Amino acid sequence: MNHIPLEKQHEAVQRFVLSLPQGPQGAIVELDGRAVAWVVAGVDANCNGDDGPWTKTKNDRRCDLIDRKHGGVKLTPAEAFELAQLQAQMLRYRQRVAPLPLEEARQLHQELLEKAARAQADA
């Protein structure tokens, strides 16, 4: 998915995008009667919304949508939005119950870079 920073767009574009209707149905932008974009509210994997418990039912639905998406079945806009919501909720759940040890990995990476620099300086 492409991420387009709105703050880097012209002010008129910012106003237009921010004026679009919010909600799960989103808005379809048309040009000459032809749909050119479907805009829905963003799903932020880092937000701290209260999603309730992560359940087998939610995970089964997420897996079904992923299987369909990668199995050649084109998801409807509503299904694509649902998948994005479920994926973000699953990532928030995983971060709560089993956060990835990124800081330790960063420290190890830094140590390895320093060791490689020392070895190169000694050569």
N, C-alpha and C. Protein backbone atom coordinates (compact mmCIF):
# COMPACT_ATOMS: atom_id res chain seq x y z
N MET A 1 0.85 -1.17 0.00
CA MET A 1 0.00 0.00 0.00
C MET A 1 0.89 1.23 0.00
N ASN A 2 0.55 2.21 -0.79
CA ASN A 2 1.31 3.45 -0.84
C ASN A 2 0.85 4.40 0.26
N HIS A 3 1.81 5.02 0.92
CA HIS A 3 1.52 6.04 1.93
C HIS A 3 1.87 7.39 1.34
N ILE A 4 0.91 8.30 1.33
CA ILE A 4 1.11 9.62 0.76
C ILE A 4 0.94 10.64 1.87
N PRO A 5 2.04 11.33 2.26
CA PRO A 5 1.94 12.31 3.34
C PRO A 5 1.10 13.52 2.89
N LEU A 6 -0.02 13.70 3.53
CA LEU A 6 -0.93 14.77 3.16
C LEU A 6 -0.30 16.14 3.40
N GLU A 7 0.54 16.25 4.44
CA GLU A 7 1.15 17.55 4.75
C GLU A 7 2.08 18.04 3.63
N LYS A 8 2.49 17.15 2.74
CA LYS A 8 3.36 17.54 1.62
C LYS A 8 2.56 17.93 0.38
N GLN A 9 1.24 17.84 0.45
CA GLN A 9 0.38 18.19 -0.67
C GLN A 9 -0.04 19.65 -0.59
N HIS A 10 -0.48 20.16 -1.72
CA HIS A 10 -0.95 21.54 -1.80
C HIS A 10 -2.11 21.73 -0.81
N GLU A 11 -2.23 22.93 -0.28
CA GLU A 11 -3.26 23.21 0.74
C GLU A 11 -4.66 22.88 0.24
N ALA A 12 -4.94 23.14 -1.03
CA ALA A 12 -6.28 22.84 -1.58
C ALA A 12 -6.54 21.33 -1.54
N VAL A 13 -5.51 20.53 -1.81
CA VAL A 13 -5.66 19.08 -1.77
C VAL A 13 -5.90 18.64 -0.32
N GLN A 14 -5.18 19.22 0.61
CA GLN A 14 -5.37 18.89 2.02
C GLN A 14 -6.81 19.17 2.44
N ARG A 15 -7.32 20.35 2.09
CA ARG A 15 -8.69 20.71 2.46
C ARG A 15 -9.69 19.74 1.84
N PHE A 16 -9.47 19.38 0.56
CA PHE A 16 -10.39 18.47 -0.11
C PHE A 16 -10.42 17.11 0.60
N VAL A 17 -9.24 16.54 0.84
CA VAL A 17 -9.18 15.21 1.46
C VAL A 17 -9.81 15.25 2.85
N LEU A 18 -9.50 16.28 3.62
CA LEU A 18 -10.05 16.37 4.97
C LEU A 18 -11.55 16.64 4.99
N SER A 19 -12.10 17.12 3.86
CA SER A 19 -13.54 17.38 3.80
C SER A 19 -14.35 16.15 3.42
N LEU A 20 -13.68 15.07 2.99
CA LEU A 20 -14.40 13.87 2.57
C LEU A 20 -15.13 13.23 3.74
N PRO A 21 -16.29 12.60 3.49
CA PRO A 21 -17.05 11.97 4.57
C PRO A 21 -16.23 10.88 5.27
N GLN A 22 -16.36 10.82 6.57
CA GLN A 22 -15.70 9.80 7.39
C GLN A 22 -16.65 8.64 7.59
N GLY A 23 -16.11 7.52 8.03
CA GLY A 23 -16.96 6.38 8.34
C GLY A 23 -16.49 5.14 7.61
N PRO A 24 -17.03 3.99 8.01
CA PRO A 24 -16.57 2.73 7.44
C PRO A 24 -16.86 2.58 5.94
N GLN A 25 -17.87 3.28 5.43
CA GLN A 25 -18.17 3.18 4.00
C GLN A 25 -17.22 4.03 3.17
N GLY A 26 -16.64 5.08 3.78
CA GLY A 26 -15.71 5.92 3.06
C GLY A 26 -16.40 6.75 2.00
N ALA A 27 -15.62 7.16 1.00
CA ALA A 27 -16.13 7.99 -0.08
C ALA A 27 -15.51 7.53 -1.39
N ILE A 28 -16.31 7.49 -2.44
CA ILE A 28 -15.80 7.17 -3.76
C ILE A 28 -15.67 8.48 -4.52
N VAL A 29 -14.46 8.75 -4.99
CA VAL A 29 -14.19 9.97 -5.75
C VAL A 29 -14.33 9.61 -7.23
N GLU A 30 -15.13 10.40 -7.95
CA GLU A 30 -15.39 10.11 -9.35
C GLU A 30 -14.91 11.24 -10.24
N LEU A 31 -14.55 10.88 -11.46
CA LEU A 31 -14.18 11.83 -12.49
C LEU A 31 -14.93 11.43 -13.75
N ASP A 32 -15.75 12.33 -14.25
CA ASP A 32 -16.58 12.04 -15.43
C ASP A 32 -17.43 10.80 -15.22
N GLY A 33 -17.95 10.62 -14.01
CA GLY A 33 -18.82 9.49 -13.70
C GLY A 33 -18.08 8.17 -13.50
N ARG A 34 -16.76 8.19 -13.51
CA ARG A 34 -15.96 6.98 -13.33
C ARG A 34 -15.25 7.04 -12.00
N ALA A 35 -15.37 5.99 -11.20
CA ALA A 35 -14.70 5.93 -9.89
C ALA A 35 -13.20 5.91 -10.10
N VAL A 36 -12.49 6.82 -9.44
CA VAL A 36 -11.03 6.87 -9.54
C VAL A 36 -10.33 6.61 -8.21
N ALA A 37 -11.08 6.72 -7.11
CA ALA A 37 -10.48 6.46 -5.80
C ALA A 37 -11.57 6.12 -4.80
N TRP A 38 -11.21 5.26 -3.88
CA TRP A 38 -12.08 4.93 -2.76
C TRP A 38 -11.31 5.32 -1.51
N VAL A 39 -11.82 6.25 -0.74
CA VAL A 39 -11.11 6.79 0.41
C VAL A 39 -11.85 6.39 1.68
N VAL A 40 -11.12 5.73 2.57
CA VAL A 40 -11.69 5.35 3.87
C VAL A 40 -10.78 5.89 4.96
N ALA A 41 -11.30 5.96 6.16
CA ALA A 41 -10.51 6.43 7.28
C ALA A 41 -9.31 5.51 7.46
N GLY A 42 -8.20 6.09 7.84
CA GLY A 42 -6.98 5.32 8.02
C GLY A 42 -7.07 4.38 9.21
N VAL A 43 -6.30 3.32 9.14
CA VAL A 43 -6.19 2.35 10.22
C VAL A 43 -4.76 2.41 10.69
N ASP A 44 -4.55 2.80 11.94
CA ASP A 44 -3.21 2.97 12.47
C ASP A 44 -2.85 1.80 13.37
N ALA A 45 -1.85 1.03 12.98
CA ALA A 45 -1.44 -0.13 13.76
C ALA A 45 -0.88 0.25 15.12
N ASN A 46 -0.55 1.52 15.30
CA ASN A 46 0.04 1.96 16.57
C ASN A 46 -0.96 2.63 17.50
N CYS A 47 -2.21 2.79 17.06
CA CYS A 47 -3.16 3.46 17.95
C CYS A 47 -3.48 2.57 19.14
N ASN A 48 -3.94 3.16 20.20
CA ASN A 48 -4.19 2.42 21.43
C ASN A 48 -5.68 2.23 21.68
N GLY A 49 -6.44 2.06 20.61
CA GLY A 49 -7.87 1.86 20.77
C GLY A 49 -8.18 0.60 21.54
N ASP A 50 -9.31 0.59 22.21
CA ASP A 50 -9.73 -0.59 22.95
C ASP A 50 -10.48 -1.50 21.99
N ASP A 51 -9.81 -2.56 21.54
CA ASP A 51 -10.38 -3.47 20.56
C ASP A 51 -11.10 -4.64 21.21
N GLY A 52 -11.03 -4.75 22.51
CA GLY A 52 -11.55 -5.94 23.15
C GLY A 52 -10.59 -7.09 22.94
N PRO A 53 -10.97 -8.26 23.36
CA PRO A 53 -10.05 -9.40 23.24
C PRO A 53 -9.88 -9.85 21.80
N TRP A 54 -8.69 -10.35 21.49
CA TRP A 54 -8.44 -10.95 20.18
C TRP A 54 -8.94 -12.38 20.26
N THR A 55 -9.85 -12.74 19.37
CA THR A 55 -10.52 -14.04 19.46
C THR A 55 -10.19 -14.92 18.26
N LYS A 56 -10.48 -16.21 18.39
CA LYS A 56 -10.30 -17.15 17.30
C LYS A 56 -11.19 -16.76 16.13
N THR A 57 -12.38 -16.28 16.41
CA THR A 57 -13.30 -15.87 15.35
C THR A 57 -12.72 -14.72 14.53
N LYS A 58 -12.15 -13.73 15.22
CA LYS A 58 -11.53 -12.61 14.51
C LYS A 58 -10.35 -13.09 13.68
N ASN A 59 -9.53 -13.94 14.26
CA ASN A 59 -8.36 -14.43 13.54
C ASN A 59 -8.76 -15.29 12.35
N ASP A 60 -9.79 -16.12 12.51
CA ASP A 60 -10.27 -16.94 11.40
C ASP A 60 -10.76 -16.06 10.26
N ARG A 61 -11.48 -14.99 10.59
CA ARG A 61 -11.98 -14.07 9.56
C ARG A 61 -10.80 -13.38 8.87
N ARG A 62 -9.82 -12.93 9.64
CA ARG A 62 -8.63 -12.28 9.08
C ARG A 62 -7.91 -13.24 8.13
N CYS A 63 -7.73 -14.48 8.55
CA CYS A 63 -7.05 -15.48 7.71
C CYS A 63 -7.85 -15.76 6.45
N ASP A 64 -9.17 -15.84 6.56
CA ASP A 64 -10.01 -16.08 5.39
C ASP A 64 -9.86 -14.94 4.39
N LEU A 65 -9.87 -13.71 4.86
CA LEU A 65 -9.72 -12.57 3.96
C LEU A 65 -8.33 -12.56 3.31
N ILE A 66 -7.31 -12.89 4.08
CA ILE A 66 -5.94 -12.95 3.52
C ILE A 66 -5.86 -14.04 2.46
N ASP A 67 -6.41 -15.22 2.76
CA ASP A 67 -6.40 -16.32 1.79
C ASP A 67 -7.11 -15.92 0.49
N ARG A 68 -8.24 -15.26 0.63
CA ARG A 68 -8.99 -14.83 -0.56
C ARG A 68 -8.21 -13.79 -1.35
N LYS A 69 -7.63 -12.83 -0.63
CA LYS A 69 -6.87 -11.76 -1.28
C LYS A 69 -5.70 -12.32 -2.08
N HIS A 70 -4.97 -13.25 -1.47
CA HIS A 70 -3.78 -13.80 -2.13
C HIS A 70 -4.10 -15.02 -2.99
N GLY A 71 -5.35 -15.45 -2.97
CA GLY A 71 -5.77 -16.57 -3.79
C GLY A 71 -6.41 -16.15 -5.09
N GLY A 72 -6.30 -14.88 -5.41
CA GLY A 72 -6.83 -14.40 -6.68
C GLY A 72 -8.23 -13.85 -6.62
N VAL A 73 -8.85 -13.85 -5.45
CA VAL A 73 -10.20 -13.30 -5.31
C VAL A 73 -10.08 -11.82 -4.95
N LYS A 74 -10.69 -10.96 -5.74
CA LYS A 74 -10.63 -9.53 -5.46
C LYS A 74 -11.58 -9.20 -4.32
N LEU A 75 -11.04 -8.64 -3.25
CA LEU A 75 -11.87 -8.26 -2.11
C LEU A 75 -12.70 -7.04 -2.47
N THR A 76 -13.90 -6.99 -1.90
CA THR A 76 -14.70 -5.78 -2.05
C THR A 76 -14.05 -4.68 -1.22
N PRO A 77 -14.37 -3.42 -1.50
CA PRO A 77 -13.82 -2.35 -0.66
C PRO A 77 -14.12 -2.55 0.82
N ALA A 78 -15.33 -3.00 1.14
CA ALA A 78 -15.68 -3.23 2.54
C ALA A 78 -14.83 -4.34 3.15
N GLU A 79 -14.57 -5.39 2.39
CA GLU A 79 -13.73 -6.48 2.89
C GLU A 79 -12.27 -6.03 3.06
N ALA A 80 -11.78 -5.22 2.13
CA ALA A 80 -10.41 -4.71 2.24
C ALA A 80 -10.28 -3.85 3.49
N PHE A 81 -11.28 -3.04 3.76
CA PHE A 81 -11.27 -2.20 4.96
C PHE A 81 -11.35 -3.08 6.21
N GLU A 82 -12.21 -4.09 6.19
CA GLU A 82 -12.32 -5.01 7.32
C GLU A 82 -10.99 -5.71 7.58
N LEU A 83 -10.32 -6.15 6.52
CA LEU A 83 -9.03 -6.80 6.67
C LEU A 83 -8.01 -5.85 7.28
N ALA A 84 -7.98 -4.61 6.84
CA ALA A 84 -7.05 -3.64 7.40
C ALA A 84 -7.31 -3.42 8.89
N GLN A 85 -8.58 -3.35 9.26
CA GLN A 85 -8.93 -3.19 10.67
C GLN A 85 -8.50 -4.40 11.49
N LEU A 86 -8.79 -5.59 10.99
CA LEU A 86 -8.43 -6.81 11.72
C LEU A 86 -6.91 -6.96 11.82
N GLN A 87 -6.21 -6.63 10.75
CA GLN A 87 -4.75 -6.73 10.77
C GLN A 87 -4.16 -5.77 11.80
N ALA A 88 -4.65 -4.53 11.82
CA ALA A 88 -4.16 -3.56 12.79
C ALA A 88 -4.48 -4.00 14.22
N GLN A 89 -5.68 -4.54 14.43
CA GLN A 89 -6.05 -5.01 15.76
C GLN A 89 -5.17 -6.17 16.20
N MET A 90 -4.88 -7.09 15.27
CA MET A 90 -4.02 -8.22 15.60
C MET A 90 -2.61 -7.75 15.96
N LEU A 91 -2.10 -6.76 15.22
CA LEU A 91 -0.75 -6.24 15.52
C LEU A 91 -0.71 -5.56 16.88
N ARG A 92 -1.77 -4.83 17.22
CA ARG A 92 -1.82 -4.20 18.55
C ARG A 92 -1.88 -5.27 19.64
N TYR A 93 -2.65 -6.34 19.41
CA TYR A 93 -2.74 -7.44 20.36
C TYR A 93 -1.37 -8.09 20.55
N ARG A 94 -0.70 -8.38 19.43
CA ARG A 94 0.62 -9.01 19.51
C ARG A 94 1.60 -8.12 20.26
N GLN A 95 1.53 -6.82 20.03
CA GLN A 95 2.44 -5.90 20.72
C GLN A 95 2.18 -5.91 22.23
N ARG A 96 0.90 -6.07 22.61
CA ARG A 96 0.57 -6.12 24.05
C ARG A 96 1.05 -7.40 24.70
N VAL A 97 0.85 -8.54 24.04
CA VAL A 97 1.12 -9.82 24.69
C VAL A 97 2.52 -10.37 24.42
N ALA A 98 3.13 -9.98 23.31
CA ALA A 98 4.46 -10.52 22.96
C ALA A 98 5.22 -9.50 22.11
N PRO A 99 5.61 -8.38 22.72
CA PRO A 99 6.30 -7.36 21.93
C PRO A 99 7.62 -7.89 21.37
N LEU A 100 7.92 -7.48 20.17
CA LEU A 100 9.17 -7.90 19.53
C LEU A 100 10.35 -7.22 20.23
N PRO A 101 11.45 -7.93 20.43
CA PRO A 101 12.61 -7.37 21.14
C PRO A 101 13.45 -6.48 20.21
N LEU A 102 12.84 -5.42 19.71
CA LEU A 102 13.53 -4.58 18.74
C LEU A 102 14.72 -3.83 19.33
N GLU A 103 14.61 -3.38 20.56
CA GLU A 103 15.73 -2.63 21.15
C GLU A 103 16.96 -3.51 21.27
N GLU A 104 16.78 -4.75 21.68
CA GLU A 104 17.92 -5.67 21.78
C GLU A 104 18.54 -5.91 20.40
N ALA A 105 17.69 -6.05 19.38
CA ALA A 105 18.20 -6.26 18.03
C ALA A 105 18.97 -5.03 17.55
N ARG A 106 18.48 -3.84 17.89
CA ARG A 106 19.19 -2.61 17.51
C ARG A 106 20.55 -2.54 18.19
N GLN A 107 20.60 -2.90 19.46
CA GLN A 107 21.87 -2.88 20.19
C GLN A 107 22.86 -3.88 19.58
N LEU A 108 22.40 -5.07 19.26
CA LEU A 108 23.27 -6.08 18.65
C LEU A 108 23.77 -5.58 17.30
N HIS A 109 22.90 -4.99 16.52
CA HIS A 109 23.29 -4.45 15.22
C HIS A 109 24.38 -3.40 15.39
N GLN A 110 24.20 -2.50 16.35
CA GLN A 110 25.20 -1.46 16.59
C GLN A 110 26.53 -2.08 17.01
N GLU A 111 26.51 -3.08 17.88
CA GLU A 111 27.75 -3.75 18.30
C GLU A 111 28.45 -4.40 17.12
N LEU A 112 27.70 -5.03 16.24
CA LEU A 112 28.28 -5.67 15.08
C LEU A 112 28.88 -4.65 14.12
N LEU A 113 28.22 -3.51 13.94
CA LEU A 113 28.77 -2.46 13.10
C LEU A 113 30.09 -1.93 13.66
N GLU A 114 30.13 -1.74 14.99
CA GLU A 114 31.35 -1.25 15.63
C GLU A 114 32.47 -2.28 15.50
N LYS A 115 32.14 -3.56 15.68
CA LYS A 115 33.14 -4.62 15.56
C LYS A 115 33.68 -4.67 14.13
N ALA A 116 32.82 -4.54 13.15
CA ALA A 116 33.25 -4.55 11.76
C ALA A 116 34.13 -3.34 11.45
N ALA A 117 33.79 -2.18 12.01
CA ALA A 117 34.61 -0.99 11.79
C ALA A 117 35.98 -1.15 12.40
N ARG A 118 36.04 -1.73 13.61
CA ARG A 118 37.34 -1.97 14.26
C ARG A 118 38.17 -2.94 13.44
N ALA A 119 37.56 -4.01 12.93
CA ALA A 119 38.28 -5.01 12.15
C ALA A 119 38.80 -4.39 10.86
N GLN A 120 38.02 -3.51 10.26
CA GLN A 120 38.45 -2.86 9.03
C GLN A 120 39.58 -1.88 9.31
N ALA A 121 39.54 -1.19 10.45
CA ALA A 121 40.61 -0.24 10.81
C ALA A 121 41.91 -0.97 11.12
N ASP A 122 41.81 -2.17 11.68
CA ASP A 122 43.00 -2.96 12.02
C ASP A 122 43.64 -3.60 10.80
N ALA A 123 42.89 -3.73 9.71
CA ALA A 123 43.40 -4.42 8.52
C ALA A 123 44.29 -3.53 7.67
